Amino acid sequence: MKLEFINKQNFNKIIKELKDLYKVCFNKEISEEYFSWIYLNNPIDDFIFCLATEDDKIIGCYSVIPINIVINNEIIRSGISMPLLIKSEFKNKGLSTKIGIKVYEELKRKKYDFILGFPDEVNHHNLVKKFGFENIYEIPTLKLVVKDKDIYHINRCDIQKIDIDNDFTFDYSLLINKKDSKIKVYKDLNYLKWMFKKNKIYEYKNYVISRNKVVLASLIMTKYNDKIEIVELNSVDKQYNKILLCKIFKDVAEENIKSINICCSVYNREHIILEELGFENSTPINYFIIKKINNLSSDIINFKNWDIQISDFKYIYLNTL
């Protein structure tokens, strides 16, 4: 058995075999486009992907998606822990521990401060027990069941001129550089284009309120059958959030949409607006965990300080609505 890190140049050579490994571990088909998008198109120029092979065949892998985190308006190097995959016949032989330790040592060498995890219920236990991840919170989904009465909300809102900017051609500098006390994933224009415009898995629509093409608020959503998922909601002033939400209400009133989902902490300013509009706690509930690599302060493990949105973890297990 051999453990080794591969680079982007060699990654294309293993995509087909990696696709087969995901099929074995998750019992679902993952497109080759997904692997190219998530690993090769990431605008952050780093690559952390460890392979376990035996007789030149892949038997497991573990990777981290590089991201930047904003803490007190300072950008910190971090990452998202992806699923640790091991073929069933090689489980319970210490392989997952070996590959995990190897990845964390590489992160330490590269001076990552910490990494985030959003595991499913199967992987959560192992990451906490085996690898020292700490629990931050269980994040509920807020859900609005669409009913005729939701038309009432439309009439209460001043729905101004709202544009659609799916190509991200507007100026997002106010949102990108907005100063606040929340810890969150840093999303510059390159990140936004990678996550939403170049995403080959989901089709997103980006509603914006702007002044002279300078974006004051943005709501990014995707639709799946009769459901809508709001994956990003950002603004320079919370008054704009309600306008964008009411715009969604107006649109769904003309379609056969049964529910709208969003992820929002009770400690965020948007939560009270969502409650007022009829959103309620629902499932799925998502684990949010963190692992110290070099530095981890008490502020970082306090969920009150975080602003996590669905787009921060949606791509990990390719969750559908």
C-alpha atoms as a PDB file:
ATOM      1  CA  MET A   1       0.000   0.000   0.000  1.00  0.00           C
ATOM      2  CA  LYS A   2       1.222   3.506  -0.857  1.00  0.00           C
ATOM      3  CA  LEU A   3       0.127   6.954   0.320  1.00  0.00           C
ATOM      4  CA  GLU A   4       1.048   9.912  -1.856  1.00  0.00           C
ATOM      5  CA  PHE A   5      -0.001  13.460  -2.670  1.00  0.00           C
ATOM      6  CA  ILE A   6      -0.786  14.200  -6.291  1.00  0.00           C
ATOM      7  CA  ASN A   7      -0.725  17.560  -8.094  1.00  0.00           C
ATOM      8  CA  LYS A   8      -3.204  19.152 -10.457  1.00  0.00           C
ATOM      9  CA  GLN A   9      -1.263  17.964 -13.494  1.00  0.00           C
ATOM     10  CA  ASN A  10      -1.736  14.321 -12.476  1.00  0.00           C
ATOM     11  CA  PHE A  11      -5.273  14.712 -11.181  1.00  0.00           C
ATOM     12  CA  ASN A  12      -6.878  14.384 -14.626  1.00  0.00           C
ATOM     13  CA  LYS A  13      -5.352  10.920 -14.951  1.00  0.00           C
ATOM     14  CA  ILE A  14      -7.298   9.583 -11.951  1.00  0.00           C
ATOM     15  CA  ILE A  15     -10.710  11.244 -12.409  1.00  0.00           C
ATOM     16  CA  LYS A  16     -12.358   8.188 -13.945  1.00  0.00           C
ATOM     17  CA  GLU A  17     -11.062   5.897 -11.177  1.00  0.00           C
ATOM     18  CA  LEU A  18     -12.029   8.499  -8.559  1.00  0.00           C
ATOM     19  CA  LYS A  19     -15.528   8.611 -10.024  1.00  0.00           C
ATOM     20  CA  ASP A  20     -15.753   4.833  -9.538  1.00  0.00           C
ATOM     21  CA  LEU A  21     -14.572   5.158  -5.916  1.00  0.00           C
ATOM     22  CA  TYR A  22     -17.337   7.678  -5.165  1.00  0.00           C
ATOM     23  CA  LYS A  23     -19.875   5.323  -6.756  1.00  0.00           C
ATOM     24  CA  VAL A  24     -18.720   2.488  -4.470  1.00  0.00           C
ATOM     25  CA  CYS A  25     -18.692   4.640  -1.297  1.00  0.00           C
ATOM     26  CA  PHE A  26     -21.822   6.748  -1.842  1.00  0.00           C
ATOM     27  CA  ASN A  27     -23.829   4.565  -4.209  1.00  0.00           C
ATOM     28  CA  LYS A  28     -24.418   7.488  -6.517  1.00  0.00           C
ATOM     29  CA  GLU A  29     -23.071   8.614  -9.854  1.00  0.00           C
ATOM     30  CA  ILE A  30     -20.827  11.686  -9.759  1.00  0.00           C
ATOM     31  CA  SER A  31     -19.980  13.386 -13.032  1.00  0.00           C
ATOM     32  CA  GLU A  32     -16.379  13.896 -14.124  1.00  0.00           C
ATOM     33  CA  GLU A  33     -17.249  17.588 -14.514  1.00  0.00           C
ATOM     34  CA  TYR A  34     -17.762  17.803 -10.762  1.00  0.00           C
ATOM     35  CA  PHE A  35     -14.201  16.700  -9.999  1.00  0.00           C
ATOM     36  CA  SER A  36     -12.722  19.079 -12.567  1.00  0.00           C
ATOM     37  CA  TRP A  37     -14.761  21.979 -11.228  1.00  0.00           C
ATOM     38  CA  ILE A  38     -14.207  21.487  -7.498  1.00  0.00           C
ATOM     39  CA  TYR A  39     -10.516  20.547  -7.632  1.00  0.00           C
ATOM     40  CA  LEU A  40      -9.000  22.075 -10.776  1.00  0.00           C
ATOM     41  CA  ASN A  41     -10.979  25.311 -11.170  1.00  0.00           C
ATOM     42  CA  ASN A  42     -10.702  26.529  -7.574  1.00  0.00           C
ATOM     43  CA  PRO A  43      -9.279  30.084  -7.809  1.00  0.00           C
ATOM     44  CA  ILE A  44      -7.045  29.497  -4.772  1.00  0.00           C
ATOM     45  CA  ASP A  45      -3.758  28.146  -6.095  1.00  0.00           C
ATOM     46  CA  ASP A  46      -3.216  25.205  -3.776  1.00  0.00           C
ATOM     47  CA  PHE A  47      -3.986  21.513  -4.037  1.00  0.00           C
ATOM     48  CA  ILE A  48      -4.211  19.002  -1.197  1.00  0.00           C
ATOM     49  CA  PHE A  49      -5.214  15.555  -2.388  1.00  0.00           C
ATOM     50  CA  CYS A  50      -3.825  12.341  -0.889  1.00  0.00           C
ATOM     51  CA  LEU A  51      -4.280   8.970  -2.593  1.00  0.00           C
ATOM     52  CA  ALA A  52      -4.029   5.494  -1.116  1.00  0.00           C
ATOM     53  CA  THR A  53      -3.155   2.881  -3.727  1.00  0.00           C
ATOM     54  CA  GLU A  54      -2.409  -0.802  -3.831  1.00  0.00           C
ATOM     55  CA  ASP A  55      -1.110  -2.536  -6.955  1.00  0.00           C
ATOM     56  CA  ASP A  56      -1.514   0.841  -8.715  1.00  0.00           C
ATOM     57  CA  LYS A  57      -5.268   0.864  -7.982  1.00  0.00           C
ATOM     58  CA  ILE A  58      -6.963   3.554  -5.877  1.00  0.00           C
ATOM     59  CA  ILE A  59      -8.295   2.130  -2.610  1.00  0.00           C
ATOM     60  CA  GLY A  60      -8.909   5.421  -0.780  1.00  0.00           C
ATOM     61  CA  CYS A  61      -8.429   9.183  -0.782  1.00  0.00           C
ATOM     62  CA  TYR A  62      -8.738  12.265   1.395  1.00  0.00           C
ATOM     63  CA  SER A  63      -8.609  15.897   0.315  1.00  0.00           C
ATOM     64  CA  VAL A  64      -9.096  19.453   1.537  1.00  0.00           C
ATOM     65  CA  ILE A  65     -10.568  22.257  -0.575  1.00  0.00           C
ATOM     66  CA  PRO A  66      -8.554  25.461   0.049  1.00  0.00           C
ATOM     67  CA  ILE A  67     -10.607  28.489   1.104  1.00  0.00           C
ATOM     68  CA  ASN A  68      -9.991  31.794   2.835  1.00  0.00           C
ATOM     69  CA  ILE A  69     -11.761  32.818   6.043  1.00  0.00           C
ATOM     70  CA  VAL A  70     -12.368  36.396   7.185  1.00  0.00           C
ATOM     71  CA  ILE A  71     -11.795  36.981  10.908  1.00  0.00           C
ATOM     72  CA  ASN A  72     -11.852  40.553  12.241  1.00  0.00           C
ATOM     73  CA  ASN A  73     -11.425  41.743   8.634  1.00  0.00           C
ATOM     74  CA  GLU A  74      -8.220  39.697   8.312  1.00  0.00           C
ATOM     75  CA  ILE A  75      -7.989  36.924   5.694  1.00  0.00           C
ATOM     76  CA  ILE A  76      -6.879  33.563   7.128  1.00  0.00           C
ATOM     77  CA  ARG A  77      -5.793  30.478   5.184  1.00  0.00           C
ATOM     78  CA  SER A  78      -8.157  27.568   5.749  1.00  0.00           C
ATOM     79  CA  GLY A  79      -9.860  24.668   4.019  1.00  0.00           C
ATOM     80  CA  ILE A  80     -12.924  22.446   3.824  1.00  0.00           C
ATOM     81  CA  SER A  81     -12.510  18.782   4.750  1.00  0.00           C
ATOM     82  CA  MET A  82     -13.881  16.552   1.997  1.00  0.00           C
ATOM     83  CA  PRO A  83     -15.138  12.982   2.586  1.00  0.00           C
ATOM     84  CA  LEU A  84     -12.445  10.444   3.530  1.00  0.00           C
ATOM     85  CA  LEU A  85     -13.142   7.520   1.224  1.00  0.00           C
ATOM     86  CA  ILE A  86     -11.914   3.967   1.768  1.00  0.00           C
ATOM     87  CA  LYS A  87     -12.993   0.874  -0.174  1.00  0.00           C
ATOM     88  CA  SER A  88     -14.915  -1.483   2.100  1.00  0.00           C
ATOM     89  CA  GLU A  89     -12.376  -4.317   1.946  1.00  0.00           C
ATOM     90  CA  PHE A  90      -9.667  -1.987   3.297  1.00  0.00           C
ATOM     91  CA  LYS A  91     -11.664  -0.527   6.186  1.00  0.00           C
ATOM     92  CA  ASN A  92     -10.844  -1.220   9.856  1.00  0.00           C
ATOM     93  CA  LYS A  93      -7.159  -1.700   9.018  1.00  0.00           C
ATOM     94  CA  GLY A  94      -5.889   1.694  10.148  1.00  0.00           C
ATOM     95  CA  LEU A  95      -5.807   3.177   6.642  1.00  0.00           C
ATOM     96  CA  SER A  96      -8.144   6.089   7.389  1.00  0.00           C
ATOM     97  CA  THR A  97      -5.989   7.117  10.364  1.00  0.00           C
ATOM     98  CA  LYS A  98      -2.804   6.995   8.303  1.00  0.00           C
ATOM     99  CA  ILE A  99      -4.188   9.018   5.418  1.00  0.00           C
ATOM    100  CA  GLY A 100      -5.797  11.547   7.788  1.00  0.00           C
ATOM    101  CA  ILE A 101      -2.563  12.130   9.707  1.00  0.00           C
ATOM    102  CA  LYS A 102      -0.642  12.535   6.451  1.00  0.00           C
ATOM    103  CA  VAL A 103      -3.053  15.217   5.203  1.00  0.00           C
ATOM    104  CA  TYR A 104      -3.026  17.135   8.507  1.00  0.00           C
ATOM    105  CA  GLU A 105       0.789  17.111   8.584  1.00  0.00           C
ATOM    106  CA  GLU A 106       0.826  18.562   5.076  1.00  0.00           C
ATOM    107  CA  LEU A 107      -1.634  21.282   6.106  1.00  0.00           C
ATOM    108  CA  LYS A 108       0.582  22.124   9.079  1.00  0.00           C
ATOM    109  CA  ARG A 109       3.617  22.340   6.799  1.00  0.00           C
ATOM    110  CA  LYS A 110       1.702  24.694   4.499  1.00  0.00           C
ATOM    111  CA  LYS A 111       0.757  26.864   7.500  1.00  0.00           C
ATOM    112  CA  TYR A 112      -2.998  26.396   7.438  1.00  0.00           C
ATOM    113  CA  ASP A 113      -4.551  27.649  10.682  1.00  0.00           C
ATOM    114  CA  PHE A 114      -7.549  25.301  10.779  1.00  0.00           C
ATOM    115  CA  ILE A 115      -9.966  23.433   8.556  1.00  0.00           C
ATOM    116  CA  LEU A 116     -13.765  23.213   8.601  1.00  0.00           C
ATOM    117  CA  GLY A 117     -15.943  20.147   8.281  1.00  0.00           C
ATOM    118  CA  PHE A 118     -19.611  19.667   7.391  1.00  0.00           C
ATOM    119  CA  PRO A 119     -19.881  15.866   7.623  1.00  0.00           C
ATOM    120  CA  ASP A 120     -22.887  13.631   7.341  1.00  0.00           C
ATOM    121  CA  GLU A 121     -24.000  11.598  10.348  1.00  0.00           C
ATOM    122  CA  VAL A 122     -21.786   8.653   9.325  1.00  0.00           C
ATOM    123  CA  ASN A 123     -18.530  10.621   9.072  1.00  0.00           C
ATOM    124  CA  HIS A 124     -19.180  13.031  11.945  1.00  0.00           C
ATOM    125  CA  HIS A 125     -18.371  10.493  14.664  1.00  0.00           C
ATOM    126  CA  ASN A 126     -15.066   9.434  13.071  1.00  0.00           C
ATOM    127  CA  LEU A 127     -13.832  12.982  12.479  1.00  0.00           C
ATOM    128  CA  VAL A 128     -14.498  13.960  16.083  1.00  0.00           C
ATOM    129  CA  LYS A 129     -13.320  10.746  17.750  1.00  0.00           C
ATOM    130  CA  LYS A 130     -10.367   9.795  15.509  1.00  0.00           C
ATOM    131  CA  PHE A 131      -9.098  13.091  14.168  1.00  0.00           C
ATOM    132  CA  GLY A 132      -9.755  15.641  16.889  1.00  0.00           C
ATOM    133  CA  PHE A 133     -12.355  17.819  15.208  1.00  0.00           C
ATOM    134  CA  GLU A 134     -14.373  19.974  17.600  1.00  0.00           C
ATOM    135  CA  ASN A 135     -18.117  20.504  17.348  1.00  0.00           C
ATOM    136  CA  ILE A 136     -19.217  24.067  16.710  1.00  0.00           C
ATOM    137  CA  TYR A 137     -22.930  23.636  16.064  1.00  0.00           C
ATOM    138  CA  GLU A 138     -25.715  21.664  14.406  1.00  0.00           C
ATOM    139  CA  ILE A 139     -27.084  24.069  11.810  1.00  0.00           C
ATOM    140  CA  PRO A 140     -30.815  23.739  11.114  1.00  0.00           C
ATOM    141  CA  THR A 141     -32.439  24.566   7.814  1.00  0.00           C
ATOM    142  CA  LEU A 142     -35.056  27.309   7.786  1.00  0.00           C
ATOM    143  CA  LYS A 143     -37.999  26.325   5.622  1.00  0.00           C
ATOM    144  CA  LEU A 144     -40.950  28.258   4.282  1.00  0.00           C
ATOM    145  CA  VAL A 145     -43.902  26.211   3.083  1.00  0.00           C
ATOM    146  CA  VAL A 146     -45.407  28.262   0.287  1.00  0.00           C
ATOM    147  CA  LYS A 147     -49.106  28.964   0.727  1.00  0.00           C
ATOM    148  CA  ASP A 148     -51.579  31.437  -0.714  1.00  0.00           C
ATOM    149  CA  LYS A 149     -51.113  33.662   2.329  1.00  0.00           C
ATOM    150  CA  ASP A 150     -47.536  34.348   1.238  1.00  0.00           C
ATOM    151  CA  ILE A 151     -48.963  36.808  -1.274  1.00  0.00           C
ATOM    152  CA  TYR A 152     -49.549  38.968   1.810  1.00  0.00           C
ATOM    153  CA  HIS A 153     -45.803  39.351   2.237  1.00  0.00           C
ATOM    154  CA  ILE A 154     -45.440  40.575  -1.340  1.00  0.00           C
ATOM    155  CA  ASN A 155     -47.874  43.399  -0.752  1.00  0.00           C
ATOM    156  CA  ARG A 156     -45.942  44.484   2.362  1.00  0.00           C
ATOM    157  CA  CYS A 157     -42.652  44.854   0.489  1.00  0.00           C
ATOM    158  CA  ASP A 158     -41.429  47.653  -1.717  1.00  0.00           C
ATOM    159  CA  ILE A 159     -40.080  45.504  -4.540  1.00  0.00           C
ATOM    160  CA  GLN A 160     -37.704  47.851  -6.291  1.00  0.00           C
ATOM    161  CA  LYS A 161     -35.928  47.258  -9.577  1.00  0.00           C
ATOM    162  CA  ILE A 162     -34.074  43.973  -9.196  1.00  0.00           C
ATOM    163  CA  ASP A 163     -31.594  42.728 -11.772  1.00  0.00           C
ATOM    164  CA  ILE A 164     -30.317  39.239 -12.516  1.00  0.00           C
ATOM    165  CA  ASP A 165     -26.539  38.982 -12.749  1.00  0.00           C
ATOM    166  CA  ASN A 166     -25.723  35.311 -13.313  1.00  0.00           C
ATOM    167  CA  ASP A 167     -22.400  36.178 -14.965  1.00  0.00           C
ATOM    168  CA  PHE A 168     -21.264  38.422 -12.090  1.00  0.00           C
ATOM    169  CA  THR A 169     -20.514  41.402 -14.315  1.00  0.00           C
ATOM    170  CA  PHE A 170     -21.637  43.973 -11.721  1.00  0.00           C
ATOM    171  CA  ASP A 171     -19.359  45.541  -9.123  1.00  0.00           C
ATOM    172  CA  TYR A 172     -19.420  43.466  -5.893  1.00  0.00           C
ATOM    173  CA  SER A 173     -16.779  45.438  -4.027  1.00  0.00           C
ATOM    174  CA  LEU A 174     -19.160  46.731  -1.332  1.00  0.00           C
ATOM    175  CA  LEU A 175     -20.304  43.221  -0.443  1.00  0.00           C
ATOM    176  CA  ILE A 176     -16.829  41.714  -0.681  1.00  0.00           C
ATOM    177  CA  ASN A 177     -15.232  44.368   1.511  1.00  0.00           C
ATOM    178  CA  LYS A 178     -18.130  44.791   3.924  1.00  0.00           C
ATOM    179  CA  LYS A 179     -16.766  45.085   7.438  1.00  0.00           C
ATOM    180  CA  ASP A 180     -18.604  43.248  10.189  1.00  0.00           C
ATOM    181  CA  SER A 181     -17.854  41.108  13.212  1.00  0.00           C
ATOM    182  CA  LYS A 182     -18.852  37.765  11.687  1.00  0.00           C
ATOM    183  CA  ILE A 183     -16.424  35.009  10.752  1.00  0.00           C
ATOM    184  CA  LYS A 184     -17.170  33.738   7.257  1.00  0.00           C
ATOM    185  CA  VAL A 185     -15.774  32.346   4.039  1.00  0.00           C
ATOM    186  CA  TYR A 186     -14.069  35.107   2.048  1.00  0.00           C
ATOM    187  CA  LYS A 187     -15.804  35.384  -1.324  1.00  0.00           C
ATOM    188  CA  ASP A 188     -14.136  37.695  -3.782  1.00  0.00           C
ATOM    189  CA  LEU A 189     -15.250  37.964  -7.404  1.00  0.00           C
ATOM    190  CA  ASN A 190     -13.096  35.015  -8.500  1.00  0.00           C
ATOM    191  CA  TYR A 191     -14.673  32.842  -5.801  1.00  0.00           C
ATOM    192  CA  LEU A 192     -18.210  33.912  -6.766  1.00  0.00           C
ATOM    193  CA  LYS A 193     -17.629  33.117 -10.429  1.00  0.00           C
ATOM    194  CA  TRP A 194     -16.102  29.740  -9.571  1.00  0.00           C
ATOM    195  CA  MET A 195     -18.805  28.732  -7.113  1.00  0.00           C
ATOM    196  CA  PHE A 196     -21.815  29.882  -9.123  1.00  0.00           C
ATOM    197  CA  LYS A 197     -21.092  30.815 -12.751  1.00  0.00           C
ATOM    198  CA  LYS A 198     -18.641  27.984 -13.529  1.00  0.00           C
ATOM    199  CA  ASN A 199     -20.491  25.416 -11.444  1.00  0.00           C
ATOM    200  CA  LYS A 200     -21.491  22.532 -13.727  1.00  0.00           C
ATOM    201  CA  ILE A 201     -23.546  20.694 -11.118  1.00  0.00           C
ATOM    202  CA  TYR A 202     -26.203  23.217 -10.134  1.00  0.00           C
ATOM    203  CA  GLU A 203     -27.777  26.052 -12.088  1.00  0.00           C
ATOM    204  CA  TYR A 204     -27.947  29.258 -10.044  1.00  0.00           C
ATOM    205  CA  LYS A 205     -29.848  32.501 -10.412  1.00  0.00           C
ATOM    206  CA  ASN A 206     -28.393  35.656  -8.827  1.00  0.00           C
ATOM    207  CA  TYR A 207     -30.838  38.454  -7.944  1.00  0.00           C
ATOM    208  CA  VAL A 208     -29.190  41.785  -7.160  1.00  0.00           C
ATOM    209  CA  ILE A 209     -30.145  45.255  -5.986  1.00  0.00           C
ATOM    210  CA  SER A 210     -27.623  47.771  -7.255  1.00  0.00           C
ATOM    211  CA  ARG A 211     -26.887  51.421  -7.683  1.00  0.00           C
ATOM    212  CA  ASN A 212     -24.999  52.325 -10.867  1.00  0.00           C
ATOM    213  CA  LYS A 213     -24.071  48.634 -11.206  1.00  0.00           C
ATOM    214  CA  VAL A 214     -22.586  48.567  -7.696  1.00  0.00           C
ATOM    215  CA  VAL A 215     -24.265  45.698  -5.859  1.00  0.00           C
ATOM    216  CA  LEU A 216     -25.957  46.531  -2.555  1.00  0.00           C
ATOM    217  CA  ALA A 217     -27.538  43.119  -2.039  1.00  0.00           C
ATOM    218  CA  SER A 218     -27.438  39.682  -3.641  1.00  0.00           C
ATOM    219  CA  LEU A 219     -29.628  36.594  -3.332  1.00  0.00           C
ATOM    220  CA  ILE A 220     -28.405  33.438  -5.069  1.00  0.00           C
ATOM    221  CA  MET A 221     -30.790  30.515  -5.452  1.00  0.00           C
ATOM    222  CA  THR A 222     -31.231  27.215  -7.221  1.00  0.00           C
ATOM    223  CA  LYS A 223     -34.423  25.369  -8.060  1.00  0.00           C
ATOM    224  CA  TYR A 224     -35.031  21.628  -7.856  1.00  0.00           C
ATOM    225  CA  ASN A 225     -38.434  20.322  -8.962  1.00  0.00           C
ATOM    226  CA  ASP A 226     -40.929  22.121  -6.684  1.00  0.00           C
ATOM    227  CA  LYS A 227     -38.390  23.497  -4.194  1.00  0.00           C
ATOM    228  CA  ILE A 228     -36.108  26.525  -4.042  1.00  0.00           C
ATOM    229  CA  GLU A 229     -32.866  26.706  -2.077  1.00  0.00           C
ATOM    230  CA  ILE A 230     -31.377  30.092  -1.221  1.00  0.00           C
ATOM    231  CA  VAL A 231     -27.638  29.412  -0.985  1.00  0.00           C
ATOM    232  CA  GLU A 232     -26.425  33.001  -0.460  1.00  0.00           C
ATOM    233  CA  LEU A 233     -28.062  36.125   0.976  1.00  0.00           C
ATOM    234  CA  ASN A 234     -25.820  39.154   1.465  1.00  0.00           C
ATOM    235  CA  SER A 235     -26.383  42.880   1.695  1.00  0.00           C
ATOM    236  CA  VAL A 236     -24.867  46.101   2.948  1.00  0.00           C
ATOM    237  CA  ASP A 237     -28.134  46.776   4.815  1.00  0.00           C
ATOM    238  CA  LYS A 238     -30.687  44.246   6.043  1.00  0.00           C
ATOM    239  CA  GLN A 239     -33.571  46.236   4.503  1.00  0.00           C
ATOM    240  CA  TYR A 240     -32.482  44.947   1.094  1.00  0.00           C
ATOM    241  CA  ASN A 241     -32.716  41.312   2.208  1.00  0.00           C
ATOM    242  CA  LYS A 242     -36.453  41.591   2.722  1.00  0.00           C
ATOM    243  CA  ILE A 243     -36.896  43.138  -0.709  1.00  0.00           C
ATOM    244  CA  LEU A 244     -35.015  40.277  -2.368  1.00  0.00           C
ATOM    245  CA  LEU A 245     -36.963  37.676  -0.408  1.00  0.00           C
ATOM    246  CA  CYS A 246     -40.236  39.256  -1.422  1.00  0.00           C
ATOM    247  CA  LYS A 247     -39.086  39.167  -5.023  1.00  0.00           C
ATOM    248  CA  ILE A 248     -38.654  35.406  -4.640  1.00  0.00           C
ATOM    249  CA  PHE A 249     -42.166  35.192  -3.156  1.00  0.00           C
ATOM    250  CA  LYS A 250     -43.525  37.075  -6.152  1.00  0.00           C
ATOM    251  CA  ASP A 251     -41.829  34.732  -8.591  1.00  0.00           C
ATOM    252  CA  VAL A 252     -42.858  31.513  -6.835  1.00  0.00           C
ATOM    253  CA  ALA A 253     -46.463  32.692  -6.690  1.00  0.00           C
ATOM    254  CA  GLU A 254     -46.426  32.299 -10.469  1.00  0.00           C
ATOM    255  CA  GLU A 255     -44.847  28.810 -10.349  1.00  0.00           C
ATOM    256  CA  ASN A 256     -45.633  25.494  -8.692  1.00  0.00           C
ATOM    257  CA  ILE A 257     -43.122  25.937  -5.854  1.00  0.00           C
ATOM    258  CA  LYS A 258     -43.989  24.219  -2.573  1.00  0.00           C
ATOM    259  CA  SER A 259     -41.157  25.294  -0.271  1.00  0.00           C
ATOM    260  CA  ILE A 260     -38.126  27.578   0.098  1.00  0.00           C
ATOM    261  CA  ASN A 261     -35.052  26.602   2.151  1.00  0.00           C
ATOM    262  CA  ILE A 262     -32.242  28.733   3.547  1.00  0.00           C
ATOM    263  CA  CYS A 263     -29.524  28.339   6.192  1.00  0.00           C
ATOM    264  CA  CYS A 264     -29.308  31.160   8.728  1.00  0.00           C
ATOM    265  CA  SER A 265     -28.091  31.274  12.322  1.00  0.00           C
ATOM    266  CA  VAL A 266     -30.390  32.682  14.990  1.00  0.00           C
ATOM    267  CA  TYR A 267     -27.468  34.990  15.832  1.00  0.00           C
ATOM    268  CA  ASN A 268     -27.491  36.627  12.379  1.00  0.00           C
ATOM    269  CA  ARG A 269     -29.453  39.756  11.609  1.00  0.00           C
ATOM    270  CA  GLU A 270     -31.344  38.056   8.757  1.00  0.00           C
ATOM    271  CA  HIS A 271     -32.916  35.471  11.054  1.00  0.00           C
ATOM    272  CA  ILE A 272     -35.584  37.761  12.488  1.00  0.00           C
ATOM    273  CA  ILE A 273     -36.588  38.851   8.980  1.00  0.00           C
ATOM    274  CA  LEU A 274     -36.929  35.222   7.900  1.00  0.00           C
ATOM    275  CA  GLU A 275     -39.050  34.429  10.959  1.00  0.00           C
ATOM    276  CA  GLU A 276     -41.263  37.422  10.238  1.00  0.00           C
ATOM    277  CA  LEU A 277     -41.794  36.140   6.708  1.00  0.00           C
ATOM    278  CA  GLY A 278     -42.839  32.706   7.963  1.00  0.00           C
ATOM    279  CA  PHE A 279     -39.663  30.575   7.825  1.00  0.00           C
ATOM    280  CA  GLU A 280     -39.419  27.842  10.485  1.00  0.00           C
ATOM    281  CA  ASN A 281     -36.705  25.456  11.690  1.00  0.00           C
ATOM    282  CA  SER A 282     -36.661  22.246   9.692  1.00  0.00           C
ATOM    283  CA  THR A 283     -34.436  19.508   8.315  1.00  0.00           C
ATOM    284  CA  PRO A 284     -31.820  18.778   7.149  1.00  0.00           C
ATOM    285  CA  ILE A 285     -29.662  19.635  10.152  1.00  0.00           C
ATOM    286  CA  ASN A 286     -26.001  20.021   9.211  1.00  0.00           C
ATOM    287  CA  TYR A 287     -23.019  19.272  11.448  1.00  0.00           C
ATOM    288  CA  PHE A 288     -20.450  22.086  11.601  1.00  0.00           C
ATOM    289  CA  ILE A 289     -17.057  21.076  13.028  1.00  0.00           C
ATOM    290  CA  ILE A 290     -13.509  22.437  13.031  1.00  0.00           C
ATOM    291  CA  LYS A 291      -9.975  21.072  13.452  1.00  0.00           C
ATOM    292  CA  LYS A 292      -6.990  23.025  14.685  1.00  0.00           C
ATOM    293  CA  ILE A 293      -3.926  22.772  12.464  1.00  0.00           C
ATOM    294  CA  ASN A 294      -1.728  25.627  13.732  1.00  0.00           C
ATOM    295  CA  ASN A 295      -3.989  28.193  15.418  1.00  0.00           C
ATOM    296  CA  LEU A 296      -7.501  28.086  16.842  1.00  0.00           C
ATOM    297  CA  SER A 297      -8.866  30.738  19.186  1.00  0.00           C
ATOM    298  CA  SER A 298     -11.912  30.467  21.449  1.00  0.00           C
ATOM    299  CA  ASP A 299     -13.717  33.049  19.288  1.00  0.00           C
ATOM    300  CA  ILE A 300     -13.504  30.731  16.292  1.00  0.00           C
ATOM    301  CA  ILE A 301     -15.232  27.795  18.015  1.00  0.00           C
ATOM    302  CA  ASN A 302     -18.134  29.986  19.157  1.00  0.00           C
ATOM    303  CA  PHE A 303     -20.980  29.572  16.664  1.00  0.00           C
ATOM    304  CA  LYS A 304     -22.400  33.002  17.557  1.00  0.00           C
ATOM    305  CA  ASN A 305     -19.480  34.515  15.667  1.00  0.00           C
ATOM    306  CA  TRP A 306     -20.042  32.662  12.385  1.00  0.00           C
ATOM    307  CA  ASP A 307     -22.009  33.419   9.234  1.00  0.00           C
ATOM    308  CA  ILE A 308     -22.403  30.108   7.391  1.00  0.00           C
ATOM    309  CA  GLN A 309     -24.497  29.790   4.240  1.00  0.00           C
ATOM    310  CA  ILE A 310     -25.642  26.763   2.274  1.00  0.00           C
ATOM    311  CA  SER A 311     -23.144  27.368  -0.534  1.00  0.00           C
ATOM    312  CA  ASP A 312     -20.307  26.902   1.990  1.00  0.00           C
ATOM    313  CA  PHE A 313     -21.018  23.178   2.222  1.00  0.00           C
ATOM    314  CA  LYS A 314     -23.526  22.202  -0.489  1.00  0.00           C
ATOM    315  CA  TYR A 315     -20.855  20.868  -2.838  1.00  0.00           C
ATOM    316  CA  ILE A 316     -19.268  18.451  -0.332  1.00  0.00           C
ATOM    317  CA  TYR A 317     -21.794  15.625  -0.534  1.00  0.00           C
ATOM    318  CA  LEU A 318     -23.674  16.978  -3.530  1.00  0.00           C
ATOM    319  CA  ASN A 319     -26.813  17.288  -1.449  1.00  0.00           C
ATOM    320  CA  THR A 320     -29.995  17.826  -3.369  1.00  0.00           C
ATOM    321  CA  LEU A 321     -32.928  19.749  -2.031  1.00  0.00           C
END
